[in-house]
């Protein structure tokens, strides 16, 4: 889904380079999730059980819209 790709790209552009190793690992784990699971998290229909992934999702959702 193009909209979700845009969210992930905005995170990469604005945060990834400055993120710590744990946050980078959480983002990389996020990318390994199935599309329906990732979709559910980014559309706030589900809450991740992993705190590090939840933190990355929270940051992504807080980014200003392009």
Protein backbone atom coordinates (compact mmCIF):
# COMPACT_ATOMS: atom_id res chain seq x y z
CA UNK A 1 0.00 0.00 0.00
CA UNK A 2 1.56 3.24 -1.16
CA UNK A 3 0.40 5.29 1.85
CA UNK A 4 2.11 2.94 4.29
CA UNK A 5 5.28 3.03 2.21
CA UNK A 6 5.22 6.83 2.48
CA UNK A 7 4.99 6.62 6.28
CA UNK A 8 7.96 4.28 6.44
CA UNK A 9 10.01 6.42 4.06
CA UNK A 10 9.30 9.54 6.14
CA UNK A 11 10.62 7.69 9.20
CA UNK A 12 13.75 6.67 7.30
CA UNK A 13 14.34 10.22 6.08
CA UNK A 14 13.68 11.96 9.39
CA UNK A 15 14.81 9.59 12.12
CA UNK A 16 16.59 6.39 11.17
CA UNK A 17 20.12 7.80 10.81
CA UNK A 18 20.02 9.32 14.32
CA UNK A 19 18.26 6.35 15.96
CA UNK A 20 20.06 4.12 18.40
CA UNK A 21 20.82 0.48 17.70
CA UNK A 22 17.74 -0.75 19.59
CA UNK A 23 15.41 1.55 17.68
CA UNK A 24 16.99 0.55 14.37
CA UNK A 25 16.51 -3.11 15.27
CA UNK A 26 12.87 -2.42 16.15
CA UNK A 27 12.31 -0.68 12.81
CA UNK A 28 13.94 -3.56 10.96
CA UNK A 29 11.71 -6.01 12.88
CA UNK A 30 8.72 -3.88 11.91
CA UNK A 31 9.64 -4.31 8.25
CA UNK A 32 9.60 -8.09 8.67
CA UNK A 33 5.95 -8.13 9.76
CA UNK A 34 3.24 -9.32 7.42
CA UNK A 35 1.43 -6.62 5.46
CA UNK A 36 -1.89 -7.12 7.32
CA UNK A 37 -0.12 -6.85 10.70
CA UNK A 38 1.85 -3.76 9.67
CA UNK A 39 -1.31 -2.24 8.23
CA UNK A 40 -3.19 -2.87 11.47
CA UNK A 41 -0.50 -1.14 13.53
CA UNK A 42 -0.08 1.89 11.28
CA UNK A 43 -3.84 2.35 10.95
CA UNK A 44 -4.16 1.97 14.74
CA UNK A 45 -6.47 -1.03 14.51
CA UNK A 46 -4.03 -3.16 16.52
CA UNK A 47 -1.39 -2.51 19.15
CA UNK A 48 1.98 -4.25 18.93
CA UNK A 49 2.91 -6.43 21.90
CA UNK A 50 6.57 -5.50 21.42
CA UNK A 51 7.38 -2.26 23.26
CA UNK A 52 10.26 -1.32 20.92
CA UNK A 53 8.05 -1.78 17.85
CA UNK A 54 5.25 0.15 19.56
CA UNK A 55 7.69 3.01 20.14
CA UNK A 56 8.67 3.13 16.48
CA UNK A 57 5.00 3.03 15.44
CA UNK A 58 4.24 5.88 17.84
CA UNK A 59 7.07 7.95 16.36
CA UNK A 60 5.95 7.20 12.80
CA UNK A 61 2.37 8.19 13.55
CA UNK A 62 3.56 11.42 15.16
CA UNK A 63 5.46 12.59 12.10
CA UNK A 64 3.98 15.61 10.34
CA UNK A 65 2.13 14.89 7.13
CA UNK A 66 3.98 15.62 3.92
